[in-house]
Amino acid sequence: MQNLIHLSQIIIAVSVLYVWTFRFRNVLKEFEQFGLAHLTRNFVGATKIALATLLVTGIWVPKLVLISSLLMGMLMLSAQYFHFKIKNTFIKHLPSLILLILCIFVAYSSI
């Protein structure tokens, strides 16, 4: 079970890092569609990258896992809200929905 939790932490972290580095153009486009400011986008990006780092570090320091997974889950829940707000198709909701489910799983497992 512990391996599955660690794998989930790594999947969340790698997914976030991938999107915010290699697919940053998509992030720019989405935040523009959402009508959010550049400062908000930068804050969200820095926060997600920091939380992704904490999730990976949490493999060795378990105290970091609960708060980082809950905060990342809140960001994914916010992403769901904004996808619904602009009426995106379900396929656009799916990545943040999967990551939200993984965050809930990791947070629940760390209690």
N, C-alpha and C. Protein backbone atom coordinates (compact mmCIF):
# COMPACT_ATOMS: atom_id res chain seq x y z
N MET A 1 0.82 -1.20 0.00
CA MET A 1 0.00 0.00 0.00
C MET A 1 0.87 1.26 0.00
N GLN A 2 1.95 1.20 0.79
CA GLN A 2 2.83 2.36 0.88
C GLN A 2 3.44 2.70 -0.48
N ASN A 3 3.74 1.66 -1.27
CA ASN A 3 4.28 1.90 -2.62
C ASN A 3 3.28 2.63 -3.50
N LEU A 4 2.01 2.29 -3.36
CA LEU A 4 0.96 2.95 -4.14
C LEU A 4 0.81 4.42 -3.74
N ILE A 5 0.94 4.69 -2.46
CA ILE A 5 0.87 6.08 -1.98
C ILE A 5 2.06 6.87 -2.51
N HIS A 6 3.26 6.31 -2.42
CA HIS A 6 4.44 6.98 -2.94
C HIS A 6 4.35 7.19 -4.45
N LEU A 7 3.84 6.20 -5.16
CA LEU A 7 3.65 6.33 -6.60
C LEU A 7 2.68 7.46 -6.92
N SER A 8 1.62 7.56 -6.14
CA SER A 8 0.64 8.64 -6.34
C SER A 8 1.29 10.00 -6.11
N GLN A 9 2.11 10.11 -5.07
CA GLN A 9 2.81 11.36 -4.80
C GLN A 9 3.70 11.74 -5.98
N ILE A 10 4.40 10.76 -6.52
CA ILE A 10 5.30 11.02 -7.65
C ILE A 10 4.51 11.39 -8.89
N ILE A 11 3.40 10.71 -9.14
CA ILE A 11 2.56 11.02 -10.31
C ILE A 11 2.05 12.46 -10.22
N ILE A 12 1.57 12.86 -9.06
CA ILE A 12 1.08 14.23 -8.88
C ILE A 12 2.21 15.22 -9.16
N ALA A 13 3.36 14.99 -8.54
CA ALA A 13 4.48 15.92 -8.66
C ALA A 13 4.99 16.01 -10.09
N VAL A 14 5.20 14.88 -10.73
CA VAL A 14 5.72 14.88 -12.10
C VAL A 14 4.72 15.52 -13.06
N SER A 15 3.44 15.24 -12.87
CA SER A 15 2.41 15.84 -13.73
C SER A 15 2.41 17.36 -13.61
N VAL A 16 2.45 17.85 -12.40
CA VAL A 16 2.45 19.30 -12.17
C VAL A 16 3.70 19.94 -12.76
N LEU A 17 4.85 19.34 -12.49
CA LEU A 17 6.10 19.88 -13.02
C LEU A 17 6.12 19.86 -14.55
N TYR A 18 5.59 18.81 -15.14
CA TYR A 18 5.54 18.70 -16.59
C TYR A 18 4.67 19.81 -17.19
N VAL A 19 3.49 19.98 -16.64
CA VAL A 19 2.56 20.99 -17.17
C VAL A 19 3.13 22.40 -17.02
N TRP A 20 3.71 22.69 -15.86
CA TRP A 20 4.18 24.05 -15.59
C TRP A 20 5.54 24.35 -16.19
N THR A 21 6.19 23.36 -16.82
CA THR A 21 7.45 23.63 -17.52
C THR A 21 7.31 23.39 -19.01
N PHE A 22 7.03 22.16 -19.41
CA PHE A 22 7.01 21.82 -20.83
C PHE A 22 5.73 22.20 -21.55
N ARG A 23 4.64 22.37 -20.84
CA ARG A 23 3.37 22.74 -21.47
C ARG A 23 2.90 24.11 -20.98
N PHE A 24 3.85 24.98 -20.70
CA PHE A 24 3.53 26.28 -20.14
C PHE A 24 2.67 27.12 -21.09
N ARG A 25 2.82 26.91 -22.39
CA ARG A 25 1.97 27.66 -23.34
C ARG A 25 0.49 27.35 -23.12
N ASN A 26 0.20 26.11 -22.81
CA ASN A 26 -1.19 25.75 -22.50
C ASN A 26 -1.67 26.43 -21.23
N VAL A 27 -0.77 26.55 -20.26
CA VAL A 27 -1.11 27.23 -19.01
C VAL A 27 -1.44 28.70 -19.30
N LEU A 28 -0.61 29.33 -20.13
CA LEU A 28 -0.86 30.73 -20.49
C LEU A 28 -2.24 30.89 -21.13
N LYS A 29 -2.55 29.98 -22.05
CA LYS A 29 -3.83 30.03 -22.76
C LYS A 29 -5.00 29.82 -21.79
N GLU A 30 -4.87 28.84 -20.91
CA GLU A 30 -5.96 28.54 -19.97
C GLU A 30 -6.21 29.70 -19.01
N PHE A 31 -5.15 30.26 -18.46
CA PHE A 31 -5.33 31.35 -17.51
C PHE A 31 -5.92 32.59 -18.19
N GLU A 32 -5.60 32.75 -19.47
CA GLU A 32 -6.22 33.84 -20.23
C GLU A 32 -7.71 33.58 -20.40
N GLN A 33 -8.07 32.34 -20.71
CA GLN A 33 -9.48 31.98 -20.84
C GLN A 33 -10.22 32.15 -19.52
N PHE A 34 -9.55 31.82 -18.43
CA PHE A 34 -10.15 31.95 -17.11
C PHE A 34 -10.31 33.40 -16.70
N GLY A 35 -9.60 34.30 -17.36
CA GLY A 35 -9.67 35.72 -17.03
C GLY A 35 -8.88 36.07 -15.78
N LEU A 36 -7.84 35.30 -15.49
CA LEU A 36 -7.03 35.53 -14.31
C LEU A 36 -5.78 36.33 -14.66
N ALA A 37 -5.30 37.09 -13.72
CA ALA A 37 -4.15 37.97 -13.93
C ALA A 37 -2.85 37.16 -14.02
N HIS A 38 -1.83 37.78 -14.62
CA HIS A 38 -0.51 37.16 -14.72
C HIS A 38 0.07 36.89 -13.33
N LEU A 39 -0.16 37.79 -12.42
CA LEU A 39 0.34 37.62 -11.05
C LEU A 39 -0.29 36.39 -10.40
N THR A 40 -1.57 36.19 -10.62
CA THR A 40 -2.27 35.02 -10.09
C THR A 40 -1.67 33.75 -10.69
N ARG A 41 -1.47 33.76 -12.01
CA ARG A 41 -0.89 32.59 -12.69
C ARG A 41 0.48 32.28 -12.11
N ASN A 42 1.31 33.29 -11.93
CA ASN A 42 2.65 33.08 -11.40
C ASN A 42 2.62 32.55 -9.97
N PHE A 43 1.70 33.08 -9.17
CA PHE A 43 1.55 32.60 -7.79
C PHE A 43 1.11 31.14 -7.76
N VAL A 44 0.13 30.80 -8.59
CA VAL A 44 -0.37 29.43 -8.65
C VAL A 44 0.74 28.49 -9.11
N GLY A 45 1.49 28.90 -10.13
CA GLY A 45 2.58 28.07 -10.65
C GLY A 45 3.66 27.83 -9.61
N ALA A 46 4.08 28.89 -8.95
CA ALA A 46 5.12 28.76 -7.91
C ALA A 46 4.63 27.88 -6.77
N THR A 47 3.37 28.07 -6.39
CA THR A 47 2.79 27.27 -5.31
C THR A 47 2.72 25.79 -5.69
N LYS A 48 2.26 25.52 -6.91
CA LYS A 48 2.15 24.12 -7.35
C LYS A 48 3.52 23.45 -7.43
N ILE A 49 4.51 24.16 -7.93
CA ILE A 49 5.85 23.58 -8.02
C ILE A 49 6.42 23.33 -6.63
N ALA A 50 6.21 24.27 -5.70
CA ALA A 50 6.67 24.07 -4.33
C ALA A 50 5.97 22.88 -3.68
N LEU A 51 4.65 22.78 -3.88
CA LEU A 51 3.90 21.67 -3.29
C LEU A 51 4.30 20.33 -3.92
N ALA A 52 4.58 20.34 -5.22
CA ALA A 52 5.04 19.12 -5.88
C ALA A 52 6.37 18.67 -5.29
N THR A 53 7.24 19.62 -5.03
CA THR A 53 8.53 19.31 -4.40
C THR A 53 8.32 18.74 -3.00
N LEU A 54 7.40 19.33 -2.25
CA LEU A 54 7.11 18.83 -0.90
C LEU A 54 6.51 17.42 -0.93
N LEU A 55 5.69 17.14 -1.95
CA LEU A 55 5.11 15.80 -2.05
C LEU A 55 6.19 14.75 -2.28
N VAL A 56 7.16 15.07 -3.11
CA VAL A 56 8.25 14.12 -3.34
C VAL A 56 9.11 14.01 -2.09
N THR A 57 9.41 15.13 -1.47
CA THR A 57 10.19 15.12 -0.23
C THR A 57 9.44 14.34 0.85
N GLY A 58 8.12 14.36 0.80
CA GLY A 58 7.30 13.65 1.77
C GLY A 58 7.49 12.15 1.76
N ILE A 59 8.09 11.62 0.72
CA ILE A 59 8.40 10.18 0.70
C ILE A 59 9.37 9.86 1.83
N TRP A 60 10.30 10.78 2.11
CA TRP A 60 11.30 10.59 3.16
C TRP A 60 10.95 11.30 4.46
N VAL A 61 10.11 12.35 4.34
CA VAL A 61 9.69 13.12 5.52
C VAL A 61 8.16 13.13 5.53
N PRO A 62 7.54 12.10 6.06
CA PRO A 62 6.09 11.93 5.98
C PRO A 62 5.26 13.08 6.55
N LYS A 63 5.82 13.88 7.45
CA LYS A 63 5.07 15.01 8.02
C LYS A 63 4.65 16.02 6.96
N LEU A 64 5.33 16.05 5.84
CA LEU A 64 5.05 17.03 4.78
C LEU A 64 3.88 16.63 3.87
N VAL A 65 3.50 15.39 3.93
CA VAL A 65 2.55 14.85 2.94
C VAL A 65 1.13 15.39 3.11
N LEU A 66 0.62 15.40 4.33
CA LEU A 66 -0.79 15.78 4.53
C LEU A 66 -1.06 17.20 4.06
N ILE A 67 -0.30 18.16 4.55
CA ILE A 67 -0.58 19.55 4.20
C ILE A 67 -0.33 19.81 2.72
N SER A 68 0.74 19.24 2.16
CA SER A 68 1.02 19.49 0.74
C SER A 68 -0.03 18.84 -0.16
N SER A 69 -0.52 17.66 0.19
CA SER A 69 -1.55 17.03 -0.63
C SER A 69 -2.89 17.75 -0.50
N LEU A 70 -3.21 18.24 0.70
CA LEU A 70 -4.45 18.99 0.87
C LEU A 70 -4.42 20.31 0.10
N LEU A 71 -3.30 21.02 0.18
CA LEU A 71 -3.19 22.29 -0.54
C LEU A 71 -3.20 22.08 -2.05
N MET A 72 -2.50 21.03 -2.51
CA MET A 72 -2.52 20.73 -3.95
C MET A 72 -3.94 20.34 -4.37
N GLY A 73 -4.62 19.59 -3.54
CA GLY A 73 -6.01 19.23 -3.83
C GLY A 73 -6.90 20.45 -3.93
N MET A 74 -6.67 21.43 -3.06
CA MET A 74 -7.46 22.67 -3.14
C MET A 74 -7.20 23.41 -4.45
N LEU A 75 -5.96 23.41 -4.90
CA LEU A 75 -5.65 24.04 -6.19
C LEU A 75 -6.31 23.28 -7.34
N MET A 76 -6.36 21.96 -7.25
CA MET A 76 -7.02 21.16 -8.29
C MET A 76 -8.53 21.38 -8.25
N LEU A 77 -9.08 21.54 -7.06
CA LEU A 77 -10.50 21.85 -6.93
C LEU A 77 -10.80 23.22 -7.55
N SER A 78 -9.91 24.16 -7.35
CA SER A 78 -10.06 25.48 -7.97
C SER A 78 -10.00 25.38 -9.48
N ALA A 79 -9.11 24.53 -9.98
CA ALA A 79 -9.03 24.32 -11.43
C ALA A 79 -10.35 23.77 -11.96
N GLN A 80 -10.95 22.84 -11.21
CA GLN A 80 -12.25 22.31 -11.62
C GLN A 80 -13.29 23.43 -11.69
N TYR A 81 -13.29 24.29 -10.69
CA TYR A 81 -14.23 25.41 -10.66
C TYR A 81 -14.08 26.27 -11.92
N PHE A 82 -12.86 26.62 -12.26
CA PHE A 82 -12.65 27.50 -13.41
C PHE A 82 -12.97 26.79 -14.73
N HIS A 83 -12.74 25.49 -14.82
CA HIS A 83 -13.13 24.75 -16.02
C HIS A 83 -14.65 24.75 -16.16
N PHE A 84 -15.36 24.58 -15.06
CA PHE A 84 -16.83 24.64 -15.11
C PHE A 84 -17.30 26.05 -15.44
N LYS A 85 -16.63 27.04 -14.88
CA LYS A 85 -17.03 28.43 -15.08
C LYS A 85 -17.02 28.82 -16.56
N ILE A 86 -16.01 28.36 -17.30
CA ILE A 86 -15.95 28.72 -18.72
C ILE A 86 -16.54 27.62 -19.61
N LYS A 87 -17.17 26.63 -18.97
CA LYS A 87 -17.88 25.56 -19.67
C LYS A 87 -16.98 24.77 -20.61
N ASN A 88 -15.83 24.36 -20.10
CA ASN A 88 -14.93 23.50 -20.87
C ASN A 88 -15.54 22.11 -21.01
N THR A 89 -15.09 21.38 -22.01
CA THR A 89 -15.54 20.00 -22.19
C THR A 89 -14.95 19.14 -21.08
N PHE A 90 -15.54 17.96 -20.89
CA PHE A 90 -15.10 17.07 -19.81
C PHE A 90 -13.63 16.69 -19.96
N ILE A 91 -13.17 16.53 -21.19
CA ILE A 91 -11.78 16.14 -21.41
C ILE A 91 -10.81 17.18 -20.86
N LYS A 92 -11.21 18.44 -20.83
CA LYS A 92 -10.38 19.50 -20.25
C LYS A 92 -10.38 19.43 -18.72
N HIS A 93 -11.45 18.91 -18.16
CA HIS A 93 -11.57 18.75 -16.70
C HIS A 93 -10.75 17.56 -16.19
N LEU A 94 -10.56 16.58 -17.05
CA LEU A 94 -10.03 15.29 -16.62
C LEU A 94 -8.66 15.34 -15.93
N PRO A 95 -7.66 16.03 -16.46
CA PRO A 95 -6.35 16.00 -15.77
C PRO A 95 -6.42 16.51 -14.33
N SER A 96 -7.04 17.66 -14.12
CA SER A 96 -7.11 18.19 -12.76
C SER A 96 -8.04 17.34 -11.88
N LEU A 97 -9.03 16.70 -12.47
CA LEU A 97 -9.91 15.82 -11.71
C LEU A 97 -9.15 14.58 -11.23
N ILE A 98 -8.35 14.00 -12.11
CA ILE A 98 -7.55 12.83 -11.72
C ILE A 98 -6.55 13.20 -10.63
N LEU A 99 -5.91 14.35 -10.80
CA LEU A 99 -4.95 14.79 -9.78
C LEU A 99 -5.66 15.12 -8.46
N LEU A 100 -6.86 15.65 -8.53
CA LEU A 100 -7.64 15.90 -7.32
C LEU A 100 -7.93 14.60 -6.59
N ILE A 101 -8.34 13.58 -7.31
CA ILE A 101 -8.62 12.28 -6.72
C ILE A 101 -7.36 11.69 -6.09
N LEU A 102 -6.24 11.82 -6.78
CA LEU A 102 -4.97 11.32 -6.23
C LEU A 102 -4.58 12.09 -4.97
N CYS A 103 -4.80 13.40 -4.97
CA CYS A 103 -4.50 14.21 -3.78
C CYS A 103 -5.34 13.78 -2.60
N ILE A 104 -6.62 13.52 -2.83
CA ILE A 104 -7.51 13.05 -1.76
C ILE A 104 -7.02 11.70 -1.24
N PHE A 105 -6.65 10.82 -2.15
CA PHE A 105 -6.14 9.49 -1.76
C PHE A 105 -4.88 9.64 -0.90
N VAL A 106 -3.94 10.47 -1.33
CA VAL A 106 -2.68 10.65 -0.60
C VAL A 106 -2.96 11.28 0.77
N ALA A 107 -3.82 12.31 0.80
CA ALA A 107 -4.12 12.97 2.06
C ALA A 107 -4.80 12.00 3.03
N TYR A 108 -5.78 11.25 2.55
CA TYR A 108 -6.49 10.29 3.39
C TYR A 108 -5.54 9.21 3.92
N SER A 109 -4.62 8.78 3.08
CA SER A 109 -3.67 7.73 3.46
C SER A 109 -2.65 8.22 4.48
N SER A 110 -2.43 9.53 4.52
CA SER A 110 -1.41 10.05 5.43
C SER A 110 -1.98 10.41 6.81
N ILE A 111 -3.29 10.27 6.95
CA ILE A 111 -3.91 10.58 8.25
C ILE A 111 -3.67 9.43 9.22
